[in-house]
């Protein structure tokens, strides 16, 4: 396999010392690539102590602080601002890239229509995977979920833990929105979804590809393998999708979700129920229940988020209507004085 790009930068964002050893593993996995990046940029999200620790203990990387709004979007944008390569790859600080990860990603850019590419994100459960946790909801833990393509194919957006984009995408439409995306442990997301939709609206002929051979493993700690986290992440996803729909429109913002809701989830429920009925596997019923609960919770979050976005819009309109009459009064008074 050959690569189709001359230079590619890798950005890894981190925010907490709790993941320091995970960060070391992530950086080392990039440094062991069969196709080495031109630079590895580690962005620290508003944690000066962690900046000093990374600078002291991790060599061969460029270490910078997030100069933007706190959160993953601001950190990524800070890294993009200093990246020197025409292609930029992103890896989570708790993920480990396969040795041919960058090579597999870079091949996709041989097609000039490809704006970006993402690869498979395989969950690495630090404890045993809960038997009730359905593969249809692996996105809850930031991983490739059942329903995504099995081979190379077009997708709306890649998963943020494993993706690469052309630099010209950011030059043309800007960076990641700070209104969406994770801030610390707050389980929001969809910043890459909003960006990719924005790029496709700017370049309708452009595409994003899924390259399953570009594989990374993503750590899943025990606190993310709980029923409480599952529900909170689903609810937060609904909130995030409402923000995306607000900025990019519901048609594009929910295009992938329609297929997922109408085909992937019903099949998952049937699969779980069949395991319960014919294989006498009680965990099948639990997975079916989890799918239904996750769907309802996500929809609930989306409805709440939609109401919040509408209230914010009405508030902005009220402020504009308040300012305009005041300006007219000032202009009228000035003209009378003249």
Protein backbone atom coordinates (compact mmCIF):
# COMPACT_ATOMS: atom_id res chain seq x y z
CA UNK A 1 0.00 0.00 0.00
CA UNK A 2 1.31 3.47 -0.90
CA UNK A 3 0.36 6.83 0.55
CA UNK A 4 -1.14 9.66 -1.47
CA UNK A 5 0.07 12.66 0.54
CA UNK A 6 3.54 14.09 1.07
CA UNK A 7 2.93 15.54 4.51
CA UNK A 8 0.36 15.04 7.23
CA UNK A 9 0.14 16.54 10.72
CA UNK A 10 -1.35 14.65 13.63
CA UNK A 11 -3.22 16.52 16.39
CA UNK A 12 -3.90 14.93 19.78
CA UNK A 13 -5.93 16.96 22.29
CA UNK A 14 -5.92 16.31 26.02
CA UNK A 15 -7.13 18.09 29.14
CA UNK A 16 -6.50 15.99 32.26
CA UNK A 17 -3.51 14.41 33.97
CA UNK A 18 -5.69 11.37 34.66
CA UNK A 19 -5.04 10.33 31.05
CA UNK A 20 -1.32 11.08 31.00
CA UNK A 21 -0.25 7.47 30.50
CA UNK A 22 -2.95 7.04 27.86
CA UNK A 23 -1.55 10.10 26.09
CA UNK A 24 1.94 8.59 26.11
CA UNK A 25 0.58 5.42 24.50
CA UNK A 26 -1.31 7.45 21.87
CA UNK A 27 1.80 9.46 20.94
CA UNK A 28 4.00 6.37 20.80
CA UNK A 29 1.50 4.65 18.48
CA UNK A 30 1.80 7.59 16.08
CA UNK A 31 5.59 7.57 16.32
CA UNK A 32 5.58 3.90 15.29
CA UNK A 33 3.63 4.48 12.07
CA UNK A 34 4.79 2.90 8.82
CA UNK A 35 4.22 6.33 7.28
CA UNK A 36 5.49 8.90 9.75
CA UNK A 37 3.73 12.26 10.14
CA UNK A 38 5.55 15.51 9.53
CA UNK A 39 4.66 16.61 13.06
CA UNK A 40 2.70 15.54 16.12
CA UNK A 41 0.91 18.39 17.87
CA UNK A 42 -0.31 17.84 21.43
CA UNK A 43 -2.84 20.48 22.49
CA UNK A 44 -3.46 20.95 26.21
CA UNK A 45 -6.88 22.34 27.09
CA UNK A 46 -6.35 25.00 29.77
CA UNK A 47 -4.13 22.99 32.12
CA UNK A 48 -0.73 24.63 32.65
CA UNK A 49 0.47 21.87 34.99
CA UNK A 50 -0.17 19.27 32.30
CA UNK A 51 1.67 21.42 29.73
CA UNK A 52 4.82 21.30 31.85
CA UNK A 53 4.49 17.57 32.44
CA UNK A 54 4.09 16.78 28.74
CA UNK A 55 7.00 19.02 27.79
CA UNK A 56 9.20 17.28 30.35
CA UNK A 57 8.28 13.66 29.68
CA UNK A 58 7.13 13.32 26.05
CA UNK A 59 9.69 13.97 23.32
CA UNK A 60 9.26 14.41 19.59
CA UNK A 61 6.03 16.42 19.81
CA UNK A 62 4.99 20.06 19.55
CA UNK A 63 3.18 21.03 22.77
CA UNK A 64 0.83 24.02 22.80
CA UNK A 65 -2.02 25.31 24.95
CA UNK A 66 -5.57 25.80 23.76
CA UNK A 67 -5.76 29.53 23.03
CA UNK A 68 -9.46 29.39 22.24
CA UNK A 69 -12.63 28.55 24.11
CA UNK A 70 -12.26 25.73 26.63
CA UNK A 71 -13.23 22.37 25.16
CA UNK A 72 -12.33 19.92 22.42
CA UNK A 73 -13.39 22.21 19.57
CA UNK A 74 -11.23 25.07 20.78
CA UNK A 75 -8.28 22.72 21.36
CA UNK A 76 -8.54 21.24 17.88
CA UNK A 77 -8.76 24.70 16.34
CA UNK A 78 -5.62 25.75 18.23
CA UNK A 79 -3.77 22.78 16.78
CA UNK A 80 -5.05 23.47 13.27
CA UNK A 81 -3.83 27.06 13.53
CA UNK A 82 -0.18 25.99 13.85
CA UNK A 83 -0.24 22.82 11.74
CA UNK A 84 2.13 23.08 8.78
CA UNK A 85 0.87 20.23 6.59
CA UNK A 86 -1.83 20.27 3.88
CA UNK A 87 -3.50 17.28 5.58
CA UNK A 88 -4.42 17.05 9.25
CA UNK A 89 -5.26 13.89 11.17
CA UNK A 90 -6.88 13.69 14.60
CA UNK A 91 -6.43 11.00 17.24
CA UNK A 92 -8.00 10.93 20.70
CA UNK A 93 -5.67 10.94 23.69
CA UNK A 94 -7.14 7.63 24.89
CA UNK A 95 -6.81 5.85 21.53
CA UNK A 96 -3.99 3.76 20.06
CA UNK A 97 -3.41 3.75 16.31
CA UNK A 98 -2.55 0.62 14.34
CA UNK A 99 0.91 0.84 12.69
CA UNK A 100 -0.55 1.46 9.20
CA UNK A 101 -3.19 3.95 10.41
CA UNK A 102 -1.81 7.05 8.68
CA UNK A 103 -0.91 5.14 5.55
CA UNK A 104 -4.44 3.79 5.26
CA UNK A 105 -5.96 7.23 5.81
CA UNK A 106 -3.68 8.95 3.32
CA UNK A 107 -4.56 6.61 0.44
CA UNK A 108 -8.07 8.09 0.29
CA UNK A 109 -6.74 11.53 -0.61
CA UNK A 110 -5.61 10.29 -4.02
CA UNK A 111 -9.14 11.26 -5.08
CA UNK A 112 -9.28 15.09 -5.17
CA UNK A 113 -12.98 15.01 -4.31
CA UNK A 114 -12.27 13.48 -0.90
CA UNK A 115 -12.48 16.22 1.71
CA UNK A 116 -11.81 13.92 4.62
CA UNK A 117 -11.60 10.29 5.70
CA UNK A 118 -12.24 8.37 8.88
CA UNK A 119 -11.39 4.88 10.01
CA UNK A 120 -12.64 2.17 12.32
CA UNK A 121 -12.66 2.85 16.05
CA UNK A 122 -12.62 -0.42 17.98
CA UNK A 123 -13.63 -0.39 21.66
CA UNK A 124 -10.98 -1.58 24.10
CA UNK A 125 -12.97 -2.32 27.23
CA UNK A 126 -10.78 -1.89 30.30
CA UNK A 127 -13.23 -4.14 32.11
CA UNK A 128 -15.53 -6.70 30.57
CA UNK A 129 -18.08 -5.29 28.14
CA UNK A 130 -21.53 -5.21 29.77
CA UNK A 131 -23.70 -7.94 28.26
CA UNK A 132 -26.58 -5.47 27.89
CA UNK A 133 -24.54 -2.97 25.83
CA UNK A 134 -25.71 -3.14 22.17
CA UNK A 135 -23.26 -2.69 19.30
CA UNK A 136 -25.76 -0.31 17.69
CA UNK A 137 -24.84 2.15 20.44
CA UNK A 138 -21.05 1.87 20.39
CA UNK A 139 -21.09 5.55 19.40
CA UNK A 140 -21.93 6.20 23.06
CA UNK A 141 -18.31 5.30 23.86
CA UNK A 142 -16.92 6.99 20.74
CA UNK A 143 -16.53 3.85 18.63
CA UNK A 144 -17.65 2.42 15.31
CA UNK A 145 -21.18 1.10 15.72
CA UNK A 146 -23.28 -1.50 13.95
CA UNK A 147 -24.89 0.15 10.96
CA UNK A 148 -21.75 1.81 9.61
CA UNK A 149 -20.27 0.52 6.32
CA UNK A 150 -18.22 -2.69 6.39
CA UNK A 151 -16.11 -1.64 3.42
CA UNK A 152 -14.76 1.59 1.95
CA UNK A 153 -17.69 3.90 1.30
CA UNK A 154 -19.09 7.39 1.57
CA UNK A 155 -20.26 8.68 4.95
CA UNK A 156 -21.68 11.97 6.18
CA UNK A 157 -18.90 12.41 8.73
CA UNK A 158 -16.14 10.37 10.37
CA UNK A 159 -15.83 9.70 14.10
CA UNK A 160 -13.65 12.35 15.71
CA UNK A 161 -11.34 9.88 17.44
CA UNK A 162 -9.99 8.75 14.07
CA UNK A 163 -10.16 11.10 11.10
CA UNK A 164 -8.13 13.21 8.69
CA UNK A 165 -9.16 16.26 6.65
CA UNK A 166 -7.65 18.47 4.01
CA UNK A 167 -6.28 21.74 5.36
CA UNK A 168 -8.28 23.62 2.73
CA UNK A 169 -11.51 22.49 4.42
CA UNK A 170 -10.65 24.59 7.47
CA UNK A 171 -9.37 27.44 5.30
CA UNK A 172 -12.65 27.42 3.38
CA UNK A 173 -15.32 26.99 6.06
CA UNK A 174 -13.53 27.64 9.34
CA UNK A 175 -12.85 25.36 12.27
CA UNK A 176 -14.90 23.35 14.75
CA UNK A 177 -17.76 25.20 16.44
CA UNK A 178 -17.30 25.74 20.16
CA UNK A 179 -21.09 25.58 20.64
CA UNK A 180 -20.88 21.82 20.08
CA UNK A 181 -18.32 19.32 21.28
CA UNK A 182 -17.04 17.97 24.55
CA UNK A 183 -15.86 20.24 27.36
CA UNK A 184 -14.03 18.21 30.01
CA UNK A 185 -16.26 15.31 31.04
CA UNK A 186 -19.46 16.86 29.68
CA UNK A 187 -20.65 14.16 27.26
CA UNK A 188 -21.59 16.37 24.32
CA UNK A 189 -20.35 15.86 20.77
CA UNK A 190 -21.16 16.28 17.06
CA UNK A 191 -18.56 18.97 16.37
CA UNK A 192 -17.15 16.90 13.50
CA UNK A 193 -20.69 16.27 12.22
CA UNK A 194 -21.43 19.99 12.00
CA UNK A 195 -18.09 20.73 10.35
CA UNK A 196 -18.45 18.02 7.71
CA UNK A 197 -21.99 19.12 6.84
CA UNK A 198 -20.75 22.69 6.54
CA UNK A 199 -17.98 21.53 4.21
CA UNK A 200 -20.39 19.54 2.03
CA UNK A 201 -22.70 22.54 1.80
CA UNK A 202 -19.70 24.59 0.65
CA UNK A 203 -18.44 21.91 -1.77
CA UNK A 204 -21.44 19.75 -2.83
CA UNK A 205 -19.19 17.64 -5.05
CA UNK A 206 -16.90 16.79 -2.14
CA UNK A 207 -17.16 13.55 -0.18
CA UNK A 208 -16.10 12.02 3.12
CA UNK A 209 -14.95 8.42 3.10
CA UNK A 210 -14.94 5.61 5.61
CA UNK A 211 -11.75 3.53 5.42
CA UNK A 212 -12.13 0.58 7.83
CA UNK A 213 -8.49 -0.47 7.38
CA UNK A 214 -7.40 2.74 9.13
CA UNK A 215 -7.98 1.29 12.56
CA UNK A 216 -7.52 2.59 16.11
CA UNK A 217 -8.47 1.06 19.44
CA UNK A 218 -10.30 3.32 21.88
CA UNK A 219 -10.11 2.77 25.62
CA UNK A 220 -13.46 2.42 27.36
CA UNK A 221 -13.09 2.87 31.14
CA UNK A 222 -15.47 1.27 33.59
CA UNK A 223 -17.31 4.55 34.29
CA UNK A 224 -18.40 4.67 30.63
CA UNK A 225 -19.72 1.13 30.72
CA UNK A 226 -22.55 1.97 33.09
CA UNK A 227 -26.26 2.39 32.58
CA UNK A 228 -26.06 5.95 33.96
CA UNK A 229 -23.40 7.01 31.45
CA UNK A 230 -25.28 5.30 28.62
CA UNK A 231 -28.42 7.32 29.26
CA UNK A 232 -26.61 10.61 29.91
CA UNK A 233 -24.58 10.24 26.72
CA UNK A 234 -27.71 9.48 24.68
CA UNK A 235 -29.45 12.53 26.12
CA UNK A 236 -26.41 14.70 25.40
CA UNK A 237 -26.30 13.38 21.83
CA UNK A 238 -29.87 14.54 21.34
CA UNK A 239 -28.96 17.98 22.64
CA UNK A 240 -25.96 18.11 20.33
CA UNK A 241 -27.97 17.05 17.28
CA UNK A 242 -30.43 19.86 18.01
CA UNK A 243 -27.55 22.36 17.85
CA UNK A 244 -26.32 20.86 14.57
CA UNK A 245 -29.83 21.02 13.09
CA UNK A 246 -30.10 24.64 14.24
CA UNK A 247 -26.94 25.65 12.39
CA UNK A 248 -27.05 23.38 9.36
CA UNK A 249 -30.77 22.54 8.98
CA UNK A 250 -32.62 19.38 9.97
CA UNK A 251 -32.43 17.88 6.46
CA UNK A 252 -28.64 17.64 6.44
CA UNK A 253 -28.22 17.56 10.20
CA UNK A 254 -30.29 14.38 10.59
CA UNK A 255 -29.71 12.65 7.25
CA UNK A 256 -27.71 9.72 8.65
CA UNK A 257 -29.95 9.43 11.71
CA UNK A 258 -33.03 8.70 9.60
CA UNK A 259 -31.51 5.54 8.13
CA UNK A 260 -30.11 4.57 11.52
CA UNK A 261 -33.51 5.02 13.19
CA UNK A 262 -35.62 3.34 10.51
CA UNK A 263 -33.37 0.36 9.76
CA UNK A 264 -30.44 -0.18 12.14
CA UNK A 265 -32.29 0.19 15.43
CA UNK A 266 -35.36 -1.94 14.52
CA UNK A 267 -33.05 -4.71 13.31
CA UNK A 268 -31.14 -4.47 16.57
CA UNK A 269 -34.32 -4.81 18.62
CA UNK A 270 -35.40 -7.82 16.57
CA UNK A 271 -31.95 -9.37 16.95
CA UNK A 272 -32.01 -8.95 20.71
CA UNK A 273 -35.55 -10.28 21.02
CA UNK A 274 -34.64 -13.29 18.86
CA UNK A 275 -31.71 -14.07 21.14
CA UNK A 276 -34.08 -13.94 24.07
CA UNK A 277 -36.79 -16.05 22.47
CA UNK A 278 -34.87 -18.71 20.57
CA UNK A 279 -31.53 -18.87 22.36
CA UNK A 280 -32.98 -18.29 25.81
CA UNK A 281 -30.42 -15.51 26.28
CA UNK A 282 -31.83 -12.99 28.75
CA UNK A 283 -29.12 -10.50 27.75
CA UNK A 284 -30.77 -10.34 24.33
CA UNK A 285 -33.86 -8.85 25.93
CA UNK A 286 -31.60 -6.44 27.85
CA UNK A 287 -29.91 -5.28 24.64
CA UNK A 288 -33.29 -4.78 22.97
CA UNK A 289 -34.41 -2.76 25.98
CA UNK A 290 -31.21 -0.71 25.90
CA UNK A 291 -31.74 0.12 22.21
CA UNK A 292 -35.28 1.28 22.85
CA UNK A 293 -34.25 3.27 25.93
CA UNK A 294 -31.31 4.84 24.12
CA UNK A 295 -33.50 5.88 21.22
CA UNK A 296 -36.20 7.41 23.43
CA UNK A 297 -33.61 9.21 25.55
CA UNK A 298 -31.83 10.62 22.50
CA UNK A 299 -35.11 11.84 21.01
CA UNK A 300 -35.97 13.45 24.36
CA UNK A 301 -32.63 15.27 24.36
CA UNK A 302 -33.21 16.43 20.80
CA UNK A 303 -36.66 17.79 21.65
CA UNK A 304 -35.34 19.66 24.68
CA UNK A 305 -32.42 20.98 22.65
CA UNK A 306 -34.75 22.15 19.89
CA UNK A 307 -36.86 24.10 22.37
CA UNK A 308 -33.73 25.66 23.88
CA UNK A 309 -32.45 26.69 20.44
CA UNK A 310 -35.81 28.25 19.54
CA UNK A 311 -35.94 30.15 22.82
CA UNK A 312 -32.42 31.46 22.21
CA UNK A 313 -33.40 32.52 18.68
CA UNK A 314 -36.52 34.35 19.92
CA UNK A 315 -34.40 36.09 22.54
CA UNK A 316 -31.96 37.26 19.87
CA UNK A 317 -34.83 38.53 17.70
CA UNK A 318 -36.33 40.41 20.64
CA UNK A 319 -32.98 42.08 21.28
CA UNK A 320 -32.67 43.08 17.63
CA UNK A 321 -36.22 44.49 17.60
CA UNK A 322 -35.41 46.45 20.74
CA UNK A 323 -32.24 47.93 19.24
CA UNK A 324 -33.73 48.88 15.86
CA UNK A 325 -36.48 51.19 17.19
CA UNK A 326 -33.93 52.82 19.48
CA UNK A 327 -31.65 53.52 16.53
CA UNK A 328 -34.56 54.94 14.56
CA UNK A 329 -35.41 57.24 17.48
CA UNK A 330 -31.82 58.48 17.58
CA UNK A 331 -31.80 59.06 13.82
CA UNK A 332 -35.14 60.94 13.95
CA UNK A 333 -33.99 63.12 16.82
CA UNK A 334 -30.74 63.92 15.02
CA UNK A 335 -32.56 64.89 11.82
CA UNK A 336 -34.87 67.22 13.73
CA UNK A 337 -31.92 68.94 15.35
CA UNK A 338 -30.39 69.43 11.93
